[in-house]
Structures are given as C-alpha cells and as structure tokens.
Amino acid sequence: MNKNKISQADWRMSPDSYSTFESAHILLGYFLADRTSKNPINNRHLFPQDEIVEWEYTHPLEKVINSRNDLDFLIAHPNFLRNSITIIEPWDHVGFNHLGESVRASKNIAYIAQKAAGINSILLPVWSTGIIDPEVVIPAISSGYAVIIEGGDPSTYDPSTWSMPACPREDMFNLIDKLLISRSPASAPAIFICVGHQLAAECHIRLIRRAVKEILAMSSLLTDYSGLALKVLKDVATRIEKMGTSLHIKKQDGRNAASGWNDKHFAVTKNESIEIGDRILLPYQSPDIDKALNIPLELIHAHALTADAHDGVIDTMIQYEREISISMFHQDEVNEEAILFANWAYRNIHDAVVPYRHILADSSLSWLFQLPDSIEILCSTAAKNGEIITECSATCINYKDFETKSIRRSFSCQFHPELMSDLRAIGWGGEPPSYATLKQDDGARLLARLLYEGMQE
C-alpha cells in the first residue's frame, strides 16, 4: 500500500475526477442494459492487483471528511459534492467474514461506483470524526448523486454496543432523523444498508412519536379559525398513539420481542438466526391474518395500498430479472410489524395534513411536510427449507410532493449489495472484480439500479 496519504490539496488532481451527472447516468444505464457488454470506461487508475488499498491512500478512495476543515473545503468546492456519492460509515467495519477479516464495505461501494460509471465517492467516517453539525452536513452531502449509510457491528437497541467515543448512538439517531426528513426535490436519495437499514427503522418510529407528541401538545393553530384542522390532526395522532402503544412484536421462534412503541426492541431486535452468506430475495408477502393475530388488519391493508401505488425498484427487479442472489451479513433484523405500523402512521399523517397544509405552512408543525408519505416492505429472505428468516429485507421510503404530486424515493436494505459472495472488502490484496464480473453480480447490479433510479428524482 502507498504509505503516503493523498492530501486535501491533491483531491482535485486525482484521476477520473471529472464525471458529470449526465455521463454518470448514461454509464449506469449502459451497465444495467445487459450482462455482457464491454467496459466503456478507462479504469486504469483503479485498485491495482495484489496490493492492499485503503481510504485516503489511493484513487478512488482519496476524499475523506476527517474534520470540519475537510467539510468546509468541499463546501467551498461544490462540484466535488455534486459529482459524487457520499458514504457515511457508522462503524469501522460491517463485521468479520469467514476468514476472520474485518470487512470495510465502504471501499466496495466506491469501487463499484467508479468501475461501473466513473462516479467518485466521498467518505464520512462518523465513528472516528463524530457527527459534524447535521444542519451543515446534510444539505452539503445531499447535493450529490446519493447518500449511502453503511452497515456496522453494533445493535441499534443497545447503546452499550456503540462504543466508539466519537459517535454515541443518540448522535447517530439524530443524524438519521435529519436525513430522513431532508428528502426534497433538490436532494439526493439515501440508501441505508444493514445497520443503516436498522437505524432508519428506529428513526421512523422516533419521528412518528415526535409528530404525535407535538400535535397533541398543540393548543391552537394561528389561522385555523374553525379549529377543524387541529381537531383532525389530534384525532389522527390519538389513533396512532393508541396503535403504537398497544402493538406487540412476536417472532417466529415464539419470543414476545416487544410490547408497544416505547419498547427498545420495537423497531429492531435479534433475528431468529444469524444470516451470513448468499440468500435469494423473495417478493414480500403480506402476513396471513389467520396466523399473525398480533398485526391489525388495517396495517396490512394500508401496506397493500402502498405496494399497489408505488414502484419500489427492488421488487420490480425481483419480478422481471432472473433469480436475485444477495449477500447477507447480520444477526439483528427490522421488525415487520414496526414497518407496517410506520407505513400506516405516515399515510394517516399525510392524509390529515393535505387539506390543511396552507394552515400548517406557517406553524411549528410545518416540518410534518418533510415526513415520508409511506414506506413499503419490498422483499424477504428465507432459509434453504423455505422458511422466512428476514421478513423485512428491504424498504422503499416514499415522499409525495404536496403540490406537484411527484414521488421521490429513498431505500433501505438489510443485505449488502456491495459485497461479493466471498464477503471480502475489495482491495484486500487479490484481484479486484472486473467490469464483466460486476455486470453479472446481482448485488452490484442492484446497487447500480438504486443509484440510477434515485438520480432521476
């Protein structure tokens, strides 16, 4: 490995650093068009064979935000941010593979993005830098092609596992809260992977609880002369609170994992079994109402309406592409009931706000416009015997514009689309995957598809 870090002053001199939105989008489309076409990009500067590479030491890993100074430099040079994806690392690795290696999967994202479409990456390792002011960070990084939140080793429901002093769990929650309510017509999509997927689930519930609390605490709205708007909102908030406090989480192994939305295991808990290695993605199937007696019918019905109205990309790939094999690498899972609840709650809040948005626009509740309008579970994974292990393997987070009715999307997935079947970080010293190999890899194709679709919104 080159022992000299690439300095901030040299970022602009790195090779292959002149991709534009148009060229990146075209190249992603070309990558996805088939599985056999030749590489149209000269990637001569990518990871050399038989060398160990790391962030800050080689292209395309040179740009790392280690301080507020680094962030200020990027803000002062906005084309770096606009023509890149930003990868947020909650932890220094996503787990240990069968060889005992810690896997820094963010390198794989940077490699795939550059190899497939000449897209540059910027790394924000919050586990070491801490959470730089979200009010500054989120608008800056959201100006690019995408924001990707990587996986990590800790459990979202256990603060003691967030042992990196620079980034305690609550700071991470606050960052994801802000990211979830920052999806606007001018922002990049977010892609939450593994622990990122679990963080997003926790924060959906946090945001809904916050909305309910603020609505119920409101005594009046300035221009709500009849009082109808606040009455409707309070009725909805009361129903959501009642549902949230009474909903139970039950696992297939017989565990009563959580009782109500204040339980630390409501959004995320231990999976029935650890999933490591390749799994086949299966279309999500709604719960059997005769067996899932703990899930109210209205939650199941609300999700069916969301699924019918929206294209979640991953579910469409499962339907139209060949069998999709993907790398799993986790022991915790997002609870199906929590996401069904979050979808139902988001839909209810959105529908209540629509007729009165002109009243709320000049109030402290105007932030409700930034919430998703729905969230769809897209797929599941199963063991070899066909038994479903992870019901909620991916979600599509939908944002409906109140005036134009256009839809913007972000995505979350429990699996790792950036990892190959060997579960190794690219740049470990062997031969990095070729363009032809990536074209055949379901995970790389899925990651490219999410980038391609998200860039259109």
Protein backbone atom coordinates (compact mmCIF):
# COMPACT_ATOMS: atom_id res chain seq x y z
CA MET A 1 0.00 0.00 0.00
CA ASN A 2 1.17 3.51 -0.76
CA LYS A 3 2.26 4.88 2.63
CA ASN A 4 1.53 8.50 1.76
CA LYS A 5 -1.95 9.85 2.30
CA ILE A 6 -3.44 11.93 -0.51
CA SER A 7 -3.69 15.46 0.80
CA GLN A 8 -6.70 17.72 0.58
CA ALA A 9 -4.76 19.92 -1.84
CA ASP A 10 -4.33 16.95 -4.20
CA TRP A 11 -8.02 15.90 -4.26
CA ARG A 12 -8.66 17.96 -7.37
CA MET A 13 -5.73 16.31 -9.16
CA SER A 14 -6.96 12.73 -8.75
CA PRO A 15 -7.53 10.80 -11.98
CA ASP A 16 -11.00 10.16 -13.41
CA SER A 17 -12.44 13.01 -11.31
CA TYR A 18 -14.42 14.81 -13.97
CA SER A 19 -17.65 12.79 -14.18
CA THR A 20 -20.83 14.79 -14.68
CA PHE A 21 -24.40 13.89 -13.80
CA GLU A 22 -25.22 13.22 -17.43
CA SER A 23 -22.23 10.97 -18.09
CA ALA A 24 -22.66 9.08 -14.82
CA HIS A 25 -26.34 8.46 -15.51
CA ILE A 26 -25.64 7.30 -19.07
CA LEU A 27 -22.93 4.91 -17.90
CA LEU A 28 -25.15 3.45 -15.16
CA GLY A 29 -27.83 2.84 -17.77
CA TYR A 30 -25.30 1.16 -20.04
CA PHE A 31 -24.07 -1.02 -17.18
CA LEU A 32 -27.63 -2.16 -16.46
CA ALA A 33 -28.74 -2.64 -20.07
CA ASP A 34 -27.31 -6.17 -20.32
CA ARG A 35 -24.86 -8.55 -18.66
CA THR A 36 -22.30 -8.91 -21.45
CA SER A 37 -21.28 -5.54 -22.94
CA LYS A 38 -17.66 -4.36 -22.75
CA ASN A 39 -16.39 -1.72 -20.35
CA PRO A 40 -16.66 1.74 -22.00
CA ILE A 41 -14.52 3.41 -19.27
CA ASN A 42 -10.76 3.54 -18.99
CA ASN A 43 -10.39 2.49 -15.33
CA ARG A 44 -6.62 2.25 -15.42
CA HIS A 45 -6.27 4.07 -12.12
CA LEU A 46 -8.44 1.72 -10.04
CA PHE A 47 -7.23 -0.70 -7.38
CA PRO A 48 -4.05 -2.43 -8.55
CA GLN A 49 -3.93 -6.22 -8.36
CA ASP A 50 -2.22 -7.84 -5.35
CA GLU A 51 -1.98 -4.60 -3.40
CA ILE A 52 -3.85 -3.72 -0.20
CA VAL A 53 -5.60 -0.39 -0.61
CA GLU A 54 -7.28 1.82 1.95
CA TRP A 55 -9.17 5.09 2.22
CA GLU A 56 -7.03 8.25 1.86
CA TYR A 57 -4.17 6.41 0.13
CA THR A 58 -5.36 5.77 -3.41
CA HIS A 59 -7.97 6.67 -6.02
CA PRO A 60 -10.97 6.44 -5.82
CA LEU A 61 -10.61 6.49 -2.03
CA GLU A 62 -8.83 9.79 -1.62
CA LYS A 63 -11.65 12.02 -0.35
CA VAL A 64 -12.35 11.52 3.37
CA ILE A 65 -14.04 14.03 5.66
CA ASN A 66 -11.95 13.78 8.82
CA SER A 67 -12.75 17.22 10.21
CA ARG A 68 -14.86 20.33 9.85
CA ASN A 69 -11.99 21.76 7.82
CA ASP A 70 -12.36 18.98 5.24
CA LEU A 71 -16.12 19.59 5.06
CA ASP A 72 -15.61 23.35 4.64
CA PHE A 73 -13.15 22.66 1.81
CA LEU A 74 -15.76 20.54 -0.01
CA ILE A 75 -18.47 23.14 0.55
CA ALA A 76 -16.12 25.74 -0.94
CA HIS A 77 -15.64 23.43 -3.96
CA PRO A 78 -19.25 22.27 -4.54
CA ASN A 79 -18.55 20.30 -7.72
CA PHE A 80 -16.77 17.67 -5.61
CA LEU A 81 -20.02 17.09 -3.70
CA ARG A 82 -22.35 17.43 -6.68
CA ASN A 83 -20.50 14.87 -8.78
CA SER A 84 -20.05 12.23 -6.07
CA ILE A 85 -21.85 9.90 -3.74
CA THR A 86 -21.21 10.32 -0.03
CA ILE A 87 -20.78 7.21 2.11
CA ILE A 88 -21.45 7.51 5.84
CA GLU A 89 -19.72 4.89 7.99
CA PRO A 90 -21.38 4.34 11.40
CA TRP A 91 -18.60 1.88 12.29
CA ASP A 92 -15.11 0.99 11.09
CA HIS A 93 -16.30 -2.33 9.62
CA VAL A 94 -19.54 -4.19 8.91
CA GLY A 95 -18.50 -7.47 10.56
CA PHE A 96 -15.99 -10.30 10.35
CA ASN A 97 -16.09 -12.74 7.45
CA HIS A 98 -15.28 -16.47 7.47
CA LEU A 99 -11.56 -15.68 7.20
CA GLY A 100 -11.68 -13.55 10.34
CA GLU A 101 -11.17 -10.34 8.33
CA SER A 102 -12.96 -7.16 9.35
CA VAL A 103 -14.88 -6.03 6.27
CA ARG A 104 -14.79 -2.33 5.42
CA ALA A 105 -17.53 -2.50 2.81
CA SER A 106 -17.47 1.22 2.01
CA LYS A 107 -14.46 0.51 -0.23
CA ASN A 108 -16.64 -1.81 -2.31
CA ILE A 109 -19.20 0.92 -2.87
CA ALA A 110 -16.52 3.34 -4.04
CA TYR A 111 -15.00 0.71 -6.34
CA ILE A 112 -18.32 -0.37 -7.91
CA ALA A 113 -19.47 3.23 -8.46
CA GLN A 114 -16.19 4.16 -10.16
CA LYS A 115 -15.85 0.93 -12.16
CA ALA A 116 -19.45 0.94 -13.42
CA ALA A 117 -19.99 4.64 -14.10
CA GLY A 118 -16.95 6.75 -13.24
CA ILE A 119 -18.70 8.05 -10.13
CA ASN A 120 -16.48 9.42 -7.35
CA SER A 121 -17.07 8.80 -3.64
CA ILE A 122 -16.59 10.86 -0.50
CA LEU A 123 -16.32 9.11 2.87
CA LEU A 124 -17.68 10.46 6.15
CA PRO A 125 -16.46 8.05 8.89
CA VAL A 126 -18.61 9.32 11.76
CA TRP A 127 -17.27 6.56 14.04
CA SER A 128 -13.97 8.47 14.10
CA THR A 129 -14.93 12.06 13.27
CA GLY A 130 -18.13 12.24 15.29
CA ILE A 131 -21.28 13.85 13.97
CA ILE A 132 -20.32 17.17 12.46
CA ASP A 133 -23.26 19.61 12.68
CA PRO A 134 -26.13 17.85 10.81
CA GLU A 135 -27.57 21.25 9.84
CA VAL A 136 -24.42 21.78 7.77
CA VAL A 137 -23.53 18.22 6.77
CA ILE A 138 -26.91 17.04 5.45
CA PRO A 139 -27.51 19.87 2.94
CA ALA A 140 -23.92 19.57 1.73
CA ILE A 141 -23.81 15.83 1.13
CA SER A 142 -27.40 15.73 -0.19
CA SER A 143 -26.35 17.82 -3.18
CA GLY A 144 -24.63 14.82 -4.77
CA TYR A 145 -25.85 11.70 -6.56
CA ALA A 146 -26.70 9.72 -3.40
CA VAL A 147 -26.00 9.40 0.32
CA ILE A 148 -25.24 5.82 1.37
CA ILE A 149 -25.33 4.83 5.04
CA GLU A 150 -23.20 1.73 5.51
CA GLY A 151 -23.53 -1.14 7.96
CA GLY A 152 -21.67 -1.74 11.19
CA ASP A 153 -21.20 -4.07 14.14
CA PRO A 154 -23.35 -2.55 16.94
CA SER A 155 -27.03 -3.16 17.71
CA THR A 156 -29.35 -0.18 17.40
CA TYR A 157 -31.33 -1.22 20.50
CA ASP A 158 -28.25 -1.49 22.76
CA PRO A 159 -26.43 1.80 23.47
CA SER A 160 -23.55 -0.05 25.14
CA THR A 161 -22.53 -1.58 21.80
CA TRP A 162 -21.93 1.92 20.36
CA SER A 163 -18.50 2.01 21.94
CA MET A 164 -16.74 4.44 19.62
CA PRO A 165 -16.38 7.54 21.86
CA ALA A 166 -16.67 9.94 18.92
CA CYS A 167 -20.13 8.75 17.90
CA PRO A 168 -22.58 7.61 20.58
CA ARG A 169 -25.86 6.04 19.48
CA GLU A 170 -28.02 9.10 20.16
CA ASP A 171 -25.83 11.24 17.89
CA MET A 172 -26.29 8.65 15.14
CA PHE A 173 -30.06 8.67 15.65
CA ASN A 174 -30.13 12.46 15.37
CA LEU A 175 -28.19 12.33 12.09
CA ILE A 176 -30.54 9.73 10.57
CA ASP A 177 -33.61 11.63 11.81
CA LYS A 178 -32.38 14.69 9.95
CA LEU A 179 -31.52 12.71 6.84
CA LEU A 180 -34.97 11.08 6.69
CA ILE A 181 -36.74 14.44 6.72
CA SER A 182 -34.39 16.09 4.24
CA ARG A 183 -35.55 14.36 1.03
CA SER A 184 -36.57 17.28 -1.18
CA PRO A 185 -36.76 17.98 -4.93
CA ALA A 186 -33.17 19.22 -4.72
CA SER A 187 -31.73 16.41 -2.60
CA ALA A 188 -30.08 13.08 -3.30
CA PRO A 189 -31.73 9.78 -2.40
CA ALA A 190 -30.49 7.98 0.70
CA ILE A 191 -29.62 4.28 0.61
CA PHE A 192 -29.47 2.67 4.06
CA ILE A 193 -27.53 -0.64 4.24
CA CYS A 194 -27.66 -3.26 7.04
CA VAL A 195 -27.22 -1.28 10.28
CA GLY A 196 -28.18 1.75 8.19
CA HIS A 197 -31.46 -0.07 7.42
CA GLN A 198 -31.95 -0.71 11.15
CA LEU A 199 -31.12 2.89 12.06
CA ALA A 200 -33.69 4.09 9.55
CA ALA A 201 -36.33 1.82 11.10
CA GLU A 202 -35.59 3.12 14.60
CA CYS A 203 -35.81 6.69 13.35
CA HIS A 204 -39.12 6.15 11.54
CA ILE A 205 -40.61 5.32 14.93
CA ARG A 206 -38.82 8.23 16.61
CA LEU A 207 -40.16 10.69 14.04
CA ILE A 208 -43.71 9.36 14.33
CA ARG A 209 -43.60 9.58 18.13
CA ARG A 210 -42.28 13.14 17.82
CA ALA A 211 -45.10 14.07 15.43
CA VAL A 212 -47.75 12.62 17.74
CA LYS A 213 -46.28 14.36 20.80
CA GLU A 214 -46.11 17.77 19.12
CA ILE A 215 -49.60 17.53 17.63
CA LEU A 216 -51.20 16.53 20.93
CA ALA A 217 -49.34 19.33 22.76
CA MET A 218 -50.59 21.97 20.31
CA SER A 219 -53.37 24.16 21.77
CA SER A 220 -54.20 26.12 18.62
CA LEU A 221 -53.08 26.97 15.09
CA LEU A 222 -52.96 30.66 14.24
CA THR A 223 -55.10 30.63 11.09
CA ASP A 224 -57.20 27.57 11.93
CA TYR A 225 -60.24 29.75 12.55
CA SER A 226 -62.75 26.90 12.81
CA GLY A 227 -60.43 24.65 14.77
CA LEU A 228 -61.10 21.82 12.32
CA ALA A 229 -57.50 21.32 11.18
CA LEU A 230 -56.18 20.80 14.70
CA LYS A 231 -59.10 18.56 15.62
CA VAL A 232 -58.42 16.30 12.63
CA LEU A 233 -54.71 16.17 13.42
CA LYS A 234 -55.34 15.40 17.10
CA ASP A 235 -57.77 12.61 16.19
CA VAL A 236 -55.15 11.06 13.91
CA ALA A 237 -52.38 11.47 16.49
CA THR A 238 -54.53 9.85 19.17
CA ARG A 239 -55.24 6.85 16.93
CA ILE A 240 -51.55 6.49 16.09
CA GLU A 241 -50.56 6.71 19.75
CA LYS A 242 -53.15 4.08 20.71
CA MET A 243 -51.95 1.74 17.96
CA GLY A 244 -48.29 2.32 18.77
CA THR A 245 -48.62 1.66 22.49
CA SER A 246 -50.72 -1.49 22.03
CA LEU A 247 -48.85 -3.18 19.14
CA HIS A 248 -46.87 -6.32 20.07
CA ILE A 249 -43.87 -7.73 18.22
CA LYS A 250 -43.84 -11.52 18.05
CA LYS A 251 -41.10 -13.60 16.44
CA GLN A 252 -41.39 -16.97 14.72
CA ASP A 253 -39.30 -18.63 17.43
CA GLY A 254 -42.00 -17.82 19.99
CA ARG A 255 -40.44 -14.70 21.51
CA ASN A 256 -42.58 -11.75 22.51
CA ALA A 257 -39.92 -9.30 21.42
CA ALA A 258 -41.62 -6.01 22.26
CA SER A 259 -44.78 -4.56 23.75
CA GLY A 260 -45.54 -1.14 22.33
CA TRP A 261 -43.56 1.52 20.52
CA ASN A 262 -41.61 2.63 23.59
CA ASP A 263 -40.00 -0.80 23.89
CA LYS A 264 -36.32 -0.74 22.84
CA HIS A 265 -36.92 -3.82 20.64
CA PHE A 266 -39.99 -2.43 18.85
CA ALA A 267 -38.21 -1.45 15.63
CA VAL A 268 -35.21 -3.81 15.68
CA THR A 269 -34.44 -6.99 17.59
CA LYS A 270 -32.41 -10.21 17.40
CA ASN A 271 -33.19 -12.24 14.30
CA GLU A 272 -34.38 -15.82 14.65
CA SER A 273 -30.98 -16.87 13.30
CA ILE A 274 -27.79 -15.24 12.08
CA GLU A 275 -27.74 -14.76 8.31
CA ILE A 276 -24.31 -14.85 6.69
CA GLY A 277 -23.69 -15.57 3.02
CA ASP A 278 -25.76 -15.66 -0.13
CA ARG A 279 -29.55 -15.57 0.04
CA ILE A 280 -32.23 -15.45 -2.62
CA LEU A 281 -34.51 -12.40 -2.45
CA LEU A 282 -38.19 -13.32 -2.36
CA PRO A 283 -41.12 -10.98 -3.03
CA TYR A 284 -42.64 -9.74 0.22
CA GLN A 285 -45.87 -11.47 1.16
CA SER A 286 -48.39 -9.81 3.47
CA PRO A 287 -48.91 -11.60 6.80
CA ASP A 288 -51.54 -14.33 6.94
CA ILE A 289 -54.27 -12.67 9.02
CA ASP A 290 -55.29 -16.04 10.48
CA LYS A 291 -51.77 -16.61 11.84
CA ALA A 292 -50.44 -13.11 12.53
CA LEU A 293 -53.10 -12.27 15.09
CA ASN A 294 -50.95 -9.56 16.65
CA ILE A 295 -51.00 -7.44 13.46
CA PRO A 296 -54.19 -5.37 12.99
CA LEU A 297 -55.88 -5.75 9.61
CA GLU A 298 -55.74 -2.01 8.95
CA LEU A 299 -51.92 -2.13 8.97
CA ILE A 300 -51.90 -4.97 6.46
CA HIS A 301 -54.46 -3.19 4.27
CA ALA A 302 -52.56 0.11 4.36
CA HIS A 303 -49.41 -1.66 3.19
CA ALA A 304 -51.28 -3.33 0.34
CA LEU A 305 -52.40 0.13 -0.82
CA THR A 306 -48.82 1.44 -0.66
CA ALA A 307 -47.47 -1.54 -2.58
CA ASP A 308 -50.09 -1.10 -5.29
CA ALA A 309 -49.42 2.61 -5.71
CA HIS A 310 -45.60 2.70 -5.76
CA ASP A 311 -42.66 1.15 -7.61
CA GLY A 312 -40.01 0.11 -5.11
CA VAL A 313 -37.34 -0.80 -7.73
CA ILE A 314 -36.09 -3.86 -5.81
CA ASP A 315 -39.46 -5.60 -6.01
CA THR A 316 -39.60 -4.85 -9.74
CA MET A 317 -36.11 -6.32 -10.23
CA ILE A 318 -37.20 -9.49 -8.44
CA GLN A 319 -40.24 -9.71 -10.69
CA TYR A 320 -38.53 -9.13 -14.03
CA GLU A 321 -34.89 -10.17 -13.66
CA ARG A 322 -33.64 -13.68 -13.06
CA GLU A 323 -33.33 -15.03 -9.52
CA ILE A 324 -31.51 -12.44 -7.39
CA SER A 325 -28.81 -13.73 -5.05
CA ILE A 326 -27.54 -11.27 -2.46
CA SER A 327 -25.06 -11.23 0.45
CA MET A 328 -26.48 -11.23 3.99
CA PHE A 329 -24.29 -10.35 6.96
CA HIS A 330 -26.36 -9.70 10.10
CA GLN A 331 -27.77 -11.01 13.38
CA ASP A 332 -30.40 -8.32 14.07
CA GLU A 333 -33.44 -7.54 11.95
CA VAL A 334 -36.02 -4.82 11.40
CA ASN A 335 -39.39 -5.99 12.68
CA GLU A 336 -42.07 -6.43 10.04
CA GLU A 337 -44.78 -5.15 12.41
CA ALA A 338 -42.88 -1.91 13.06
CA ILE A 339 -42.61 -1.07 9.36
CA LEU A 340 -46.26 -1.96 8.71
CA PHE A 341 -47.11 0.39 11.57
CA ALA A 342 -44.80 3.14 10.29
CA ASN A 343 -46.36 2.94 6.82
CA TRP A 344 -49.88 3.16 8.28
CA ALA A 345 -48.92 6.10 10.54
CA TYR A 346 -47.17 8.01 7.75
CA ARG A 347 -50.17 7.54 5.46
CA ASN A 348 -52.54 8.80 8.14
CA ILE A 349 -50.44 11.87 8.93
CA HIS A 350 -50.03 12.71 5.24
CA ASP A 351 -53.75 12.37 4.50
CA ALA A 352 -54.64 14.50 7.53
CA VAL A 353 -52.20 17.23 6.55
CA VAL A 354 -53.16 17.52 2.85
CA PRO A 355 -56.36 19.62 3.17
CA TYR A 356 -54.86 21.92 5.82
CA ARG A 357 -51.31 22.35 4.55
CA HIS A 358 -51.85 26.09 3.98
CA ILE A 359 -52.66 26.42 7.69
CA LEU A 360 -49.71 24.33 8.84
CA ALA A 361 -47.26 26.02 6.46
CA ASP A 362 -46.76 28.92 8.88
CA SER A 363 -46.69 26.90 12.08
CA SER A 364 -44.26 24.88 14.15
CA LEU A 365 -45.84 21.74 12.65
CA SER A 366 -44.68 22.60 9.13
CA TRP A 367 -41.91 20.01 9.49
CA LEU A 368 -44.62 17.34 9.06
CA PHE A 369 -44.45 18.13 5.32
CA GLN A 370 -40.95 16.59 5.31
CA LEU A 371 -42.07 13.18 6.56
CA PRO A 372 -42.38 10.27 4.14
CA ASP A 373 -45.93 9.67 2.98
CA SER A 374 -45.47 5.88 3.10
CA ILE A 375 -42.94 3.07 3.37
CA GLU A 376 -43.13 -0.28 1.58
CA ILE A 377 -41.55 -3.61 2.50
CA LEU A 378 -40.11 -4.94 -0.76
CA CYS A 379 -38.66 -8.39 -0.15
CA SER A 380 -37.76 -11.13 2.30
CA THR A 381 -35.12 -13.83 2.62
CA ALA A 382 -35.56 -17.48 3.54
CA ALA A 383 -33.51 -20.45 4.73
CA LYS A 384 -32.86 -23.40 2.44
CA ASN A 385 -36.01 -25.11 3.72
CA GLY A 386 -38.08 -22.15 2.54
CA GLU A 387 -38.78 -20.74 6.00
CA ILE A 388 -38.74 -16.95 6.01
CA ILE A 389 -35.89 -15.66 8.19
CA THR A 390 -35.94 -11.91 7.50
CA GLU A 391 -39.39 -10.63 6.53
CA CYS A 392 -38.31 -7.03 6.05
CA SER A 393 -35.17 -7.33 3.93
CA ALA A 394 -35.62 -4.02 2.10
CA THR A 395 -37.90 -0.97 2.06
CA CYS A 396 -38.77 1.86 -0.27
CA ILE A 397 -39.32 5.15 1.56
CA ASN A 398 -41.74 7.32 -0.44
CA TYR A 399 -42.08 11.11 -0.32
CA LYS A 400 -45.05 12.64 -2.14
CA ASP A 401 -44.81 16.30 -3.08
CA PHE A 402 -47.88 18.15 -1.82
CA GLU A 403 -48.20 20.42 -4.86
CA THR A 404 -46.82 18.52 -7.85
CA LYS A 405 -47.84 15.04 -6.56
CA SER A 406 -44.48 13.72 -7.80
CA ILE A 407 -42.80 10.92 -5.84
CA ARG A 408 -39.25 10.84 -4.54
CA ARG A 409 -37.75 7.71 -3.03
CA SER A 410 -35.04 6.55 -0.69
CA PHE A 411 -34.23 2.91 0.01
CA SER A 412 -33.07 0.67 2.81
CA CYS A 413 -31.85 -2.94 2.71
CA GLN A 414 -30.76 -5.43 5.33
CA PHE A 415 -28.47 -7.12 2.82
CA HIS A 416 -25.18 -5.85 1.39
CA PRO A 417 -25.47 -5.24 -2.38
CA GLU A 418 -21.86 -4.02 -2.41
CA LEU A 419 -20.38 -7.31 -1.14
CA MET A 420 -19.43 -10.20 -3.39
CA SER A 421 -20.20 -13.77 -2.33
CA ASP A 422 -16.78 -14.07 -0.61
CA LEU A 423 -17.78 -11.29 1.84
CA ARG A 424 -14.39 -9.61 1.47
CA ALA A 425 -13.60 -5.95 1.11
CA ILE A 426 -12.31 -5.12 -2.35
CA GLY A 427 -8.66 -4.11 -2.14
CA TRP A 428 -7.65 -6.86 0.30
CA GLY A 429 -4.71 -7.82 -1.88
CA GLY A 430 -6.18 -10.13 -4.50
CA GLU A 431 -7.52 -9.33 -7.94
CA PRO A 432 -10.38 -6.79 -7.81
CA PRO A 433 -13.54 -7.76 -9.72
CA SER A 434 -13.62 -6.85 -13.39
CA TYR A 435 -16.32 -4.87 -15.13
CA ALA A 436 -17.58 -8.15 -16.63
CA THR A 437 -17.79 -9.73 -13.16
CA LEU A 438 -19.70 -6.78 -11.75
CA LYS A 439 -22.12 -6.90 -14.70
CA GLN A 440 -23.00 -10.46 -13.69
CA ASP A 441 -23.22 -9.80 -9.95
CA ASP A 442 -26.77 -9.32 -8.66
CA GLY A 443 -25.69 -7.12 -5.76
CA ALA A 444 -23.62 -4.74 -7.90
CA ARG A 445 -26.49 -4.52 -10.38
CA LEU A 446 -28.96 -3.77 -7.62
CA LEU A 447 -26.73 -1.03 -6.18
CA ALA A 448 -26.35 0.46 -9.68
CA ARG A 449 -30.12 0.27 -10.20
CA LEU A 450 -30.85 2.14 -6.97
CA LEU A 451 -28.35 4.85 -7.95
CA TYR A 452 -29.75 5.04 -11.49
CA GLU A 453 -33.38 5.32 -10.36
CA GLY A 454 -32.65 7.67 -7.48
CA MET A 455 -30.69 10.08 -9.67
CA GLN A 456 -33.80 10.60 -11.79
CA GLU A 457 -35.72 12.11 -8.88
